[in-house]
Amino acid sequence: MDKDDPNANLFGYDEEENIEENAYKQMYEKNPLRVNALANLWYDEMVSLIKAEGDIPEDAKMQLLFNMTANSILDMMADAVPSEMGVDMTFYFDMFMGVALTNKRFGVDLFKEQQKALVEILPSKFPSDEEYKKALTEFEEAWWSIPQPKLEKRNPNDAIRESLDKYGLTEQ
């Protein structure tokens, strides 16, 4: 932080040094507090609605409670941003969910598998740091199209698309 700059700490933190830490806090560390707020918003009403449904099996009640909660959160997320951002946000959410579904289906972590492949690319094989970084970037992108043994020889993009197709979440 610059001691001579009166605006250096204007927003309560040194922007250069703490931007990632503050982003993490905003995006993840506040989640338990958000859960409490959401419970205050919806829980009692949802439970009342489920009880009003009459005599339904307990597992169906739990599924209904989950569905109502998840749908409400997704609606709130979509309403929280302008529609142009909402389209991008929901697309990327679907893609990330596709990765998670694929990971679960095949018992794999695609991001870890990609990182394992990337560490195999040795800087000593390239004449310069720039060419090494370029090769890493190109391979990082290309990896998603390379058949993987842990995906029964599918490439990650196809496996993710299959996972999303099951739920009607692929692009149209």
N, C-alpha and C. Protein backbone atom coordinates (compact mmCIF):
# COMPACT_ATOMS: atom_id res chain seq x y z
N MET A 1 0.85 -1.17 0.00
CA MET A 1 0.00 0.00 0.00
C MET A 1 0.89 1.23 0.00
N ASP A 2 0.51 2.23 -0.78
CA ASP A 2 1.25 3.47 -0.90
C ASP A 2 0.85 4.41 0.24
N LYS A 3 1.79 4.72 1.14
CA LYS A 3 1.49 5.58 2.29
C LYS A 3 1.15 7.01 1.87
N ASP A 4 1.65 7.44 0.72
CA ASP A 4 1.44 8.81 0.26
C ASP A 4 0.13 8.99 -0.50
N ASP A 5 -0.55 7.90 -0.83
CA ASP A 5 -1.80 7.98 -1.58
C ASP A 5 -2.97 7.97 -0.60
N PRO A 6 -3.70 9.10 -0.50
CA PRO A 6 -4.82 9.16 0.46
C PRO A 6 -5.97 8.22 0.09
N ASN A 7 -6.01 7.76 -1.16
CA ASN A 7 -7.08 6.86 -1.59
C ASN A 7 -6.66 5.39 -1.59
N ALA A 8 -5.45 5.12 -1.14
CA ALA A 8 -4.91 3.77 -1.23
C ALA A 8 -5.75 2.74 -0.48
N ASN A 9 -6.37 3.15 0.59
CA ASN A 9 -7.15 2.21 1.40
C ASN A 9 -8.63 2.61 1.39
N LEU A 10 -9.06 3.23 0.32
CA LEU A 10 -10.40 3.79 0.22
C LEU A 10 -11.50 2.76 0.45
N PHE A 11 -11.31 1.54 -0.03
CA PHE A 11 -12.34 0.52 0.10
C PHE A 11 -12.06 -0.46 1.23
N GLY A 12 -11.17 -0.11 2.12
CA GLY A 12 -10.93 -0.92 3.30
C GLY A 12 -9.89 -2.00 3.14
N TYR A 13 -9.25 -2.11 2.01
CA TYR A 13 -8.21 -3.11 1.82
C TYR A 13 -7.26 -2.65 0.72
N ASP A 14 -6.09 -3.19 0.74
CA ASP A 14 -5.11 -2.92 -0.30
C ASP A 14 -5.50 -3.74 -1.52
N GLU A 15 -6.02 -3.07 -2.55
CA GLU A 15 -6.57 -3.77 -3.71
C GLU A 15 -5.57 -4.71 -4.37
N GLU A 16 -4.34 -4.29 -4.50
CA GLU A 16 -3.34 -5.11 -5.19
C GLU A 16 -3.03 -6.39 -4.43
N GLU A 17 -2.87 -6.29 -3.12
CA GLU A 17 -2.42 -7.43 -2.33
C GLU A 17 -3.54 -8.37 -1.93
N ASN A 18 -4.75 -7.87 -1.79
CA ASN A 18 -5.81 -8.68 -1.20
C ASN A 18 -7.00 -8.96 -2.11
N ILE A 19 -6.90 -8.66 -3.37
CA ILE A 19 -8.07 -8.82 -4.24
C ILE A 19 -8.55 -10.27 -4.30
N GLU A 20 -7.62 -11.23 -4.40
CA GLU A 20 -8.01 -12.65 -4.44
C GLU A 20 -8.58 -13.10 -3.10
N GLU A 21 -7.96 -12.69 -2.03
CA GLU A 21 -8.44 -13.06 -0.69
C GLU A 21 -9.84 -12.49 -0.45
N ASN A 22 -10.06 -11.25 -0.84
CA ASN A 22 -11.38 -10.64 -0.66
C ASN A 22 -12.42 -11.27 -1.56
N ALA A 23 -12.03 -11.65 -2.77
CA ALA A 23 -12.96 -12.34 -3.67
C ALA A 23 -13.36 -13.67 -3.06
N TYR A 24 -12.39 -14.40 -2.51
CA TYR A 24 -12.69 -15.69 -1.88
C TYR A 24 -13.66 -15.50 -0.71
N LYS A 25 -13.38 -14.51 0.12
CA LYS A 25 -14.26 -14.25 1.26
C LYS A 25 -15.67 -13.93 0.79
N GLN A 26 -15.80 -13.08 -0.22
CA GLN A 26 -17.11 -12.69 -0.72
C GLN A 26 -17.85 -13.87 -1.34
N MET A 27 -17.12 -14.68 -2.09
CA MET A 27 -17.77 -15.75 -2.84
C MET A 27 -18.02 -17.01 -2.01
N TYR A 28 -17.17 -17.31 -1.03
CA TYR A 28 -17.28 -18.59 -0.33
C TYR A 28 -17.44 -18.47 1.18
N GLU A 29 -16.66 -17.64 1.83
CA GLU A 29 -16.71 -17.59 3.29
C GLU A 29 -18.03 -17.06 3.82
N LYS A 30 -18.73 -16.28 3.04
CA LYS A 30 -20.03 -15.76 3.49
C LYS A 30 -21.17 -16.77 3.29
N ASN A 31 -20.88 -17.90 2.66
CA ASN A 31 -21.96 -18.86 2.37
C ASN A 31 -22.71 -19.33 3.61
N PRO A 32 -22.06 -19.64 4.73
CA PRO A 32 -22.85 -20.02 5.91
C PRO A 32 -23.82 -18.92 6.35
N LEU A 33 -23.41 -17.67 6.21
CA LEU A 33 -24.28 -16.55 6.55
C LEU A 33 -25.43 -16.45 5.54
N ARG A 34 -25.12 -16.70 4.28
CA ARG A 34 -26.17 -16.69 3.25
C ARG A 34 -27.18 -17.81 3.51
N VAL A 35 -26.70 -18.96 3.92
CA VAL A 35 -27.59 -20.08 4.22
C VAL A 35 -28.57 -19.69 5.32
N ASN A 36 -28.06 -19.04 6.36
CA ASN A 36 -28.94 -18.59 7.44
C ASN A 36 -29.97 -17.59 6.94
N ALA A 37 -29.55 -16.66 6.09
CA ALA A 37 -30.48 -15.67 5.55
C ALA A 37 -31.54 -16.34 4.67
N LEU A 38 -31.12 -17.28 3.83
CA LEU A 38 -32.07 -17.99 2.97
C LEU A 38 -33.05 -18.81 3.80
N ALA A 39 -32.56 -19.42 4.86
CA ALA A 39 -33.46 -20.18 5.74
C ALA A 39 -34.51 -19.24 6.34
N ASN A 40 -34.07 -18.06 6.73
CA ASN A 40 -35.00 -17.08 7.28
C ASN A 40 -36.02 -16.64 6.23
N LEU A 41 -35.60 -16.56 4.97
CA LEU A 41 -36.50 -16.17 3.89
C LEU A 41 -37.53 -17.24 3.56
N TRP A 42 -37.10 -18.49 3.48
CA TRP A 42 -37.94 -19.51 2.86
C TRP A 42 -38.34 -20.70 3.72
N TYR A 43 -37.54 -21.09 4.68
CA TYR A 43 -37.72 -22.38 5.34
C TYR A 43 -39.13 -22.59 5.88
N ASP A 44 -39.60 -21.67 6.71
CA ASP A 44 -40.91 -21.86 7.33
C ASP A 44 -42.03 -21.97 6.30
N GLU A 45 -41.96 -21.12 5.26
CA GLU A 45 -42.99 -21.16 4.23
C GLU A 45 -42.94 -22.48 3.45
N MET A 46 -41.73 -22.93 3.14
CA MET A 46 -41.59 -24.19 2.40
C MET A 46 -42.10 -25.37 3.23
N VAL A 47 -41.76 -25.40 4.50
CA VAL A 47 -42.22 -26.48 5.36
C VAL A 47 -43.74 -26.47 5.45
N SER A 48 -44.33 -25.28 5.57
CA SER A 48 -45.79 -25.17 5.62
C SER A 48 -46.43 -25.70 4.33
N LEU A 49 -45.83 -25.35 3.19
CA LEU A 49 -46.37 -25.83 1.92
C LEU A 49 -46.27 -27.35 1.81
N ILE A 50 -45.17 -27.91 2.29
CA ILE A 50 -44.99 -29.36 2.22
C ILE A 50 -45.97 -30.07 3.15
N LYS A 51 -46.16 -29.52 4.34
CA LYS A 51 -47.12 -30.11 5.27
C LYS A 51 -48.53 -30.04 4.72
N ALA A 52 -48.83 -29.00 3.96
CA ALA A 52 -50.16 -28.84 3.38
C ALA A 52 -50.42 -29.83 2.25
N GLU A 53 -49.34 -30.43 1.73
CA GLU A 53 -49.48 -31.41 0.65
C GLU A 53 -50.19 -32.67 1.12
N GLY A 54 -50.28 -32.84 2.41
CA GLY A 54 -50.97 -34.02 2.93
C GLY A 54 -50.01 -35.15 3.22
N ASP A 55 -50.54 -36.35 3.12
CA ASP A 55 -49.79 -37.54 3.51
C ASP A 55 -48.95 -38.04 2.34
N ILE A 56 -47.74 -37.52 2.23
CA ILE A 56 -46.82 -38.01 1.21
C ILE A 56 -45.63 -38.64 1.93
N PRO A 57 -44.95 -39.58 1.30
CA PRO A 57 -43.82 -40.25 1.94
C PRO A 57 -42.72 -39.25 2.33
N GLU A 58 -42.01 -39.59 3.38
CA GLU A 58 -40.96 -38.70 3.91
C GLU A 58 -39.89 -38.38 2.87
N ASP A 59 -39.46 -39.38 2.10
CA ASP A 59 -38.44 -39.11 1.09
C ASP A 59 -38.96 -38.17 0.01
N ALA A 60 -40.23 -38.24 -0.32
CA ALA A 60 -40.82 -37.32 -1.29
C ALA A 60 -40.87 -35.90 -0.72
N LYS A 61 -41.12 -35.80 0.58
CA LYS A 61 -41.10 -34.48 1.23
C LYS A 61 -39.71 -33.87 1.17
N MET A 62 -38.70 -34.68 1.44
CA MET A 62 -37.32 -34.17 1.40
C MET A 62 -36.93 -33.75 -0.01
N GLN A 63 -37.35 -34.55 -1.01
CA GLN A 63 -37.07 -34.21 -2.41
C GLN A 63 -37.78 -32.91 -2.79
N LEU A 64 -39.01 -32.75 -2.37
CA LEU A 64 -39.75 -31.53 -2.65
C LEU A 64 -39.09 -30.32 -1.99
N LEU A 65 -38.66 -30.48 -0.75
CA LEU A 65 -37.98 -29.38 -0.06
C LEU A 65 -36.69 -28.99 -0.78
N PHE A 66 -35.93 -30.00 -1.21
CA PHE A 66 -34.70 -29.71 -1.96
C PHE A 66 -35.02 -29.00 -3.26
N ASN A 67 -35.99 -29.52 -4.02
CA ASN A 67 -36.35 -28.93 -5.32
C ASN A 67 -36.80 -27.48 -5.16
N MET A 68 -37.63 -27.23 -4.16
CA MET A 68 -38.11 -25.86 -3.94
C MET A 68 -36.94 -24.93 -3.58
N THR A 69 -36.05 -25.40 -2.74
CA THR A 69 -34.90 -24.58 -2.33
C THR A 69 -33.98 -24.30 -3.51
N ALA A 70 -33.59 -25.35 -4.23
CA ALA A 70 -32.68 -25.17 -5.35
C ALA A 70 -33.30 -24.25 -6.41
N ASN A 71 -34.58 -24.45 -6.72
CA ASN A 71 -35.23 -23.61 -7.72
C ASN A 71 -35.27 -22.15 -7.26
N SER A 72 -35.55 -21.93 -6.00
CA SER A 72 -35.59 -20.56 -5.48
C SER A 72 -34.23 -19.89 -5.55
N ILE A 73 -33.18 -20.63 -5.24
CA ILE A 73 -31.83 -20.07 -5.31
C ILE A 73 -31.46 -19.75 -6.76
N LEU A 74 -31.76 -20.66 -7.68
CA LEU A 74 -31.46 -20.41 -9.09
C LEU A 74 -32.22 -19.22 -9.62
N ASP A 75 -33.50 -19.08 -9.24
CA ASP A 75 -34.28 -17.91 -9.64
C ASP A 75 -33.66 -16.63 -9.09
N MET A 76 -33.24 -16.67 -7.82
CA MET A 76 -32.66 -15.49 -7.19
C MET A 76 -31.35 -15.11 -7.89
N MET A 77 -30.53 -16.11 -8.22
CA MET A 77 -29.27 -15.83 -8.93
C MET A 77 -29.55 -15.18 -10.28
N ALA A 78 -30.52 -15.70 -11.01
CA ALA A 78 -30.84 -15.15 -12.33
C ALA A 78 -31.40 -13.74 -12.21
N ASP A 79 -32.18 -13.48 -11.18
CA ASP A 79 -32.76 -12.15 -10.98
C ASP A 79 -31.74 -11.13 -10.48
N ALA A 80 -30.62 -11.60 -9.94
CA ALA A 80 -29.64 -10.72 -9.31
C ALA A 80 -28.74 -9.98 -10.31
N VAL A 81 -28.77 -10.40 -11.57
CA VAL A 81 -27.87 -9.80 -12.55
C VAL A 81 -28.67 -9.38 -13.79
N PRO A 82 -28.14 -8.43 -14.57
CA PRO A 82 -28.81 -8.08 -15.83
C PRO A 82 -28.91 -9.32 -16.73
N SER A 83 -29.92 -9.35 -17.59
CA SER A 83 -30.18 -10.56 -18.38
C SER A 83 -28.99 -10.98 -19.24
N GLU A 84 -28.20 -10.00 -19.77
CA GLU A 84 -27.04 -10.40 -20.58
C GLU A 84 -26.05 -11.18 -19.73
N MET A 85 -25.86 -10.74 -18.50
CA MET A 85 -24.95 -11.46 -17.60
C MET A 85 -25.58 -12.78 -17.15
N GLY A 86 -26.89 -12.78 -16.98
CA GLY A 86 -27.58 -13.98 -16.55
C GLY A 86 -27.44 -15.13 -17.54
N VAL A 87 -27.47 -14.79 -18.83
CA VAL A 87 -27.31 -15.81 -19.86
C VAL A 87 -25.92 -16.45 -19.73
N ASP A 88 -24.89 -15.61 -19.60
CA ASP A 88 -23.53 -16.13 -19.44
C ASP A 88 -23.39 -16.91 -18.14
N MET A 89 -23.93 -16.34 -17.05
CA MET A 89 -23.81 -16.98 -15.74
C MET A 89 -24.44 -18.37 -15.75
N THR A 90 -25.65 -18.48 -16.32
CA THR A 90 -26.31 -19.79 -16.32
C THR A 90 -25.62 -20.77 -17.26
N PHE A 91 -25.06 -20.27 -18.38
CA PHE A 91 -24.30 -21.14 -19.28
C PHE A 91 -23.10 -21.72 -18.53
N TYR A 92 -22.32 -20.87 -17.87
CA TYR A 92 -21.14 -21.35 -17.16
C TYR A 92 -21.52 -22.22 -15.96
N PHE A 93 -22.62 -21.91 -15.32
CA PHE A 93 -23.10 -22.76 -14.23
C PHE A 93 -23.43 -24.15 -14.77
N ASP A 94 -24.12 -24.20 -15.91
CA ASP A 94 -24.44 -25.49 -16.51
C ASP A 94 -23.17 -26.26 -16.87
N MET A 95 -22.19 -25.57 -17.45
CA MET A 95 -20.94 -26.24 -17.82
C MET A 95 -20.23 -26.79 -16.58
N PHE A 96 -20.19 -26.00 -15.53
CA PHE A 96 -19.55 -26.46 -14.29
C PHE A 96 -20.33 -27.64 -13.70
N MET A 97 -21.65 -27.58 -13.77
CA MET A 97 -22.46 -28.68 -13.30
C MET A 97 -22.22 -29.92 -14.16
N GLY A 98 -22.03 -29.72 -15.47
CA GLY A 98 -21.71 -30.84 -16.35
C GLY A 98 -20.40 -31.51 -15.97
N VAL A 99 -19.41 -30.71 -15.60
CA VAL A 99 -18.14 -31.27 -15.13
C VAL A 99 -18.38 -32.07 -13.85
N ALA A 100 -19.13 -31.49 -12.92
CA ALA A 100 -19.39 -32.18 -11.65
C ALA A 100 -20.16 -33.49 -11.87
N LEU A 101 -21.16 -33.47 -12.75
CA LEU A 101 -21.92 -34.69 -13.05
C LEU A 101 -21.03 -35.74 -13.71
N THR A 102 -20.15 -35.30 -14.60
CA THR A 102 -19.23 -36.22 -15.27
C THR A 102 -18.24 -36.80 -14.26
N ASN A 103 -17.72 -35.95 -13.38
CA ASN A 103 -16.82 -36.43 -12.33
C ASN A 103 -17.50 -37.52 -11.49
N LYS A 104 -18.74 -37.26 -11.12
CA LYS A 104 -19.47 -38.24 -10.30
C LYS A 104 -19.72 -39.52 -11.08
N ARG A 105 -20.14 -39.38 -12.31
CA ARG A 105 -20.46 -40.56 -13.14
C ARG A 105 -19.25 -41.47 -13.32
N PHE A 106 -18.08 -40.89 -13.55
CA PHE A 106 -16.89 -41.68 -13.84
C PHE A 106 -15.93 -41.80 -12.65
N GLY A 107 -16.28 -41.19 -11.51
CA GLY A 107 -15.41 -41.28 -10.34
C GLY A 107 -14.05 -40.63 -10.58
N VAL A 108 -14.08 -39.46 -11.19
CA VAL A 108 -12.85 -38.78 -11.58
C VAL A 108 -12.96 -37.30 -11.21
N ASP A 109 -11.85 -36.60 -11.20
CA ASP A 109 -11.84 -35.15 -11.06
C ASP A 109 -11.15 -34.60 -12.30
N LEU A 110 -11.94 -34.11 -13.24
CA LEU A 110 -11.39 -33.68 -14.53
C LEU A 110 -10.35 -32.58 -14.39
N PHE A 111 -10.57 -31.66 -13.47
CA PHE A 111 -9.60 -30.57 -13.30
C PHE A 111 -8.26 -31.11 -12.78
N LYS A 112 -8.31 -32.06 -11.86
CA LYS A 112 -7.06 -32.66 -11.37
C LYS A 112 -6.38 -33.47 -12.47
N GLU A 113 -7.17 -34.17 -13.27
CA GLU A 113 -6.60 -34.95 -14.37
C GLU A 113 -5.91 -34.02 -15.38
N GLN A 114 -6.54 -32.90 -15.65
CA GLN A 114 -5.94 -31.95 -16.56
C GLN A 114 -4.63 -31.40 -15.97
N GLN A 115 -4.63 -31.09 -14.69
CA GLN A 115 -3.42 -30.58 -14.05
C GLN A 115 -2.30 -31.61 -14.09
N LYS A 116 -2.65 -32.88 -13.88
CA LYS A 116 -1.64 -33.95 -13.99
C LYS A 116 -1.01 -33.97 -15.38
N ALA A 117 -1.84 -33.80 -16.40
CA ALA A 117 -1.33 -33.80 -17.77
C ALA A 117 -0.46 -32.57 -18.03
N LEU A 118 -0.84 -31.45 -17.47
CA LEU A 118 -0.08 -30.22 -17.70
C LEU A 118 1.31 -30.26 -17.08
N VAL A 119 1.45 -30.92 -15.92
CA VAL A 119 2.78 -30.97 -15.29
C VAL A 119 3.73 -31.85 -16.08
N GLU A 120 3.20 -32.65 -16.99
CA GLU A 120 4.05 -33.47 -17.85
C GLU A 120 4.75 -32.64 -18.93
N ILE A 121 4.25 -31.45 -19.16
CA ILE A 121 4.87 -30.56 -20.15
C ILE A 121 6.01 -29.82 -19.45
N LEU A 122 7.21 -30.16 -19.81
CA LEU A 122 8.39 -29.64 -19.12
C LEU A 122 8.92 -28.38 -19.78
N PRO A 123 9.23 -27.36 -18.97
CA PRO A 123 9.78 -26.12 -19.52
C PRO A 123 11.09 -26.34 -20.28
N SER A 124 11.85 -27.35 -19.88
CA SER A 124 13.15 -27.60 -20.53
C SER A 124 13.00 -28.02 -22.00
N LYS A 125 11.81 -28.41 -22.40
CA LYS A 125 11.57 -28.84 -23.78
C LYS A 125 11.32 -27.66 -24.74
N PHE A 126 11.32 -26.43 -24.19
CA PHE A 126 11.00 -25.25 -25.00
C PHE A 126 12.14 -24.25 -24.96
N PRO A 127 12.35 -23.57 -26.07
CA PRO A 127 13.48 -22.64 -26.16
C PRO A 127 13.31 -21.37 -25.31
N SER A 128 12.06 -21.03 -24.95
CA SER A 128 11.86 -19.83 -24.15
C SER A 128 10.65 -19.99 -23.23
N ASP A 129 10.58 -19.13 -22.23
CA ASP A 129 9.43 -19.14 -21.32
C ASP A 129 8.14 -18.82 -22.06
N GLU A 130 8.23 -17.92 -23.03
CA GLU A 130 7.04 -17.54 -23.80
C GLU A 130 6.49 -18.73 -24.57
N GLU A 131 7.38 -19.49 -25.21
CA GLU A 131 6.92 -20.65 -25.96
C GLU A 131 6.38 -21.74 -25.04
N TYR A 132 6.98 -21.89 -23.86
CA TYR A 132 6.48 -22.84 -22.87
C TYR A 132 5.07 -22.44 -22.43
N LYS A 133 4.86 -21.18 -22.09
CA LYS A 133 3.55 -20.70 -21.66
C LYS A 133 2.51 -20.86 -22.77
N LYS A 134 2.93 -20.59 -24.00
CA LYS A 134 2.03 -20.75 -25.14
C LYS A 134 1.63 -22.22 -25.30
N ALA A 135 2.60 -23.11 -25.18
CA ALA A 135 2.32 -24.55 -25.29
C ALA A 135 1.38 -25.01 -24.18
N LEU A 136 1.59 -24.52 -22.96
CA LEU A 136 0.71 -24.87 -21.85
C LEU A 136 -0.72 -24.43 -22.13
N THR A 137 -0.86 -23.20 -22.58
CA THR A 137 -2.19 -22.65 -22.87
C THR A 137 -2.88 -23.46 -23.96
N GLU A 138 -2.14 -23.77 -25.03
CA GLU A 138 -2.72 -24.55 -26.13
C GLU A 138 -3.12 -25.95 -25.68
N PHE A 139 -2.26 -26.60 -24.88
CA PHE A 139 -2.58 -27.94 -24.42
C PHE A 139 -3.73 -27.92 -23.42
N GLU A 140 -3.77 -26.91 -22.58
CA GLU A 140 -4.85 -26.79 -21.60
C GLU A 140 -6.20 -26.77 -22.32
N GLU A 141 -6.28 -26.06 -23.42
CA GLU A 141 -7.50 -26.00 -24.22
C GLU A 141 -7.74 -27.32 -24.96
N ALA A 142 -6.70 -27.85 -25.57
CA ALA A 142 -6.83 -29.07 -26.38
C ALA A 142 -7.16 -30.29 -25.54
N TRP A 143 -6.75 -30.32 -24.27
CA TRP A 143 -6.94 -31.47 -23.40
C TRP A 143 -8.41 -31.90 -23.35
N TRP A 144 -9.32 -30.94 -23.41
CA TRP A 144 -10.75 -31.24 -23.29
C TRP A 144 -11.27 -32.02 -24.50
N SER A 145 -10.48 -32.11 -25.57
CA SER A 145 -10.88 -32.85 -26.77
C SER A 145 -10.10 -34.15 -26.96
N ILE A 146 -9.27 -34.51 -26.00
CA ILE A 146 -8.44 -35.71 -26.09
C ILE A 146 -9.11 -36.85 -25.32
N PRO A 147 -9.35 -37.98 -25.96
CA PRO A 147 -9.95 -39.12 -25.24
C PRO A 147 -9.14 -39.46 -23.98
N GLN A 148 -9.87 -39.74 -22.91
CA GLN A 148 -9.25 -40.03 -21.62
C GLN A 148 -9.62 -41.43 -21.15
N PRO A 149 -8.62 -42.20 -20.70
CA PRO A 149 -8.90 -43.56 -20.23
C PRO A 149 -9.95 -43.62 -19.12
N LYS A 150 -9.92 -42.65 -18.21
CA LYS A 150 -10.85 -42.66 -17.09
C LYS A 150 -12.28 -42.30 -17.49
N LEU A 151 -12.46 -41.87 -18.74
CA LEU A 151 -13.79 -41.55 -19.25
C LEU A 151 -14.23 -42.58 -20.28
N GLU A 152 -13.71 -43.80 -20.14
CA GLU A 152 -14.01 -44.88 -21.08
C GLU A 152 -13.70 -44.45 -22.52
N LYS A 153 -12.56 -43.81 -22.67
CA LYS A 153 -12.03 -43.36 -23.96
C LYS A 153 -12.80 -42.19 -24.59
N ARG A 154 -13.74 -41.60 -23.85
CA ARG A 154 -14.40 -40.40 -24.35
C ARG A 154 -13.48 -39.21 -24.09
N ASN A 155 -13.67 -38.15 -24.85
CA ASN A 155 -12.96 -36.93 -24.49
C ASN A 155 -13.83 -36.18 -23.48
N PRO A 156 -13.23 -35.35 -22.64
CA PRO A 156 -14.00 -34.65 -21.61
C PRO A 156 -15.18 -33.84 -22.16
N ASN A 157 -14.98 -33.15 -23.29
CA ASN A 157 -16.09 -32.35 -23.85
C ASN A 157 -17.30 -33.23 -24.18
N ASP A 158 -17.06 -34.39 -24.79
CA ASP A 158 -18.17 -35.28 -25.12
C ASP A 158 -18.83 -35.86 -23.88
N ALA A 159 -18.01 -36.24 -22.89
CA ALA A 159 -18.56 -36.79 -21.65
C ALA A 159 -19.40 -35.75 -20.92
N ILE A 160 -18.95 -34.52 -20.90
CA ILE A 160 -19.71 -33.44 -20.26
C ILE A 160 -21.01 -33.20 -21.02
N ARG A 161 -20.93 -33.17 -22.34
CA ARG A 161 -22.13 -32.97 -23.16
C ARG A 161 -23.13 -34.10 -22.90
N GLU A 162 -22.66 -35.34 -22.81
CA GLU A 162 -23.55 -36.46 -22.50
C GLU A 162 -24.23 -36.26 -21.15
N SER A 163 -23.46 -35.81 -20.17
CA SER A 163 -24.03 -35.57 -18.84
C SER A 163 -25.10 -34.50 -18.88
N LEU A 164 -24.84 -33.43 -19.62
CA LEU A 164 -25.81 -32.34 -19.70
C LEU A 164 -27.02 -32.71 -20.56
N ASP A 165 -26.80 -33.53 -21.61
CA ASP A 165 -27.91 -33.99 -22.46
C ASP A 165 -28.96 -34.72 -21.63
N LYS A 166 -28.50 -35.49 -20.67
CA LYS A 166 -29.41 -36.26 -19.82
C LYS A 166 -30.44 -35.37 -19.15
N TYR A 167 -30.06 -34.11 -18.88
CA TYR A 167 -30.96 -33.17 -18.18
C TYR A 167 -31.49 -32.07 -19.11
N GLY A 168 -31.21 -32.20 -20.42
CA GLY A 168 -31.69 -31.19 -21.36
C GLY A 168 -30.98 -29.86 -21.23
N LEU A 169 -29.73 -29.88 -20.79
CA LEU A 169 -29.00 -28.64 -20.52
C LEU A 169 -27.94 -28.28 -21.55
N THR A 170 -27.95 -28.94 -22.69
CA THR A 170 -26.98 -28.57 -23.72
C THR A 170 -27.53 -27.38 -24.50
N GLU A 171 -26.60 -26.69 -25.16
CA GLU A 171 -27.02 -25.53 -25.96
C GLU A 171 -27.94 -25.98 -27.07
N GLN A 172 -28.82 -25.07 -27.45
CA GLN A 172 -29.78 -25.40 -28.51
C GLN A 172 -29.56 -24.53 -29.69
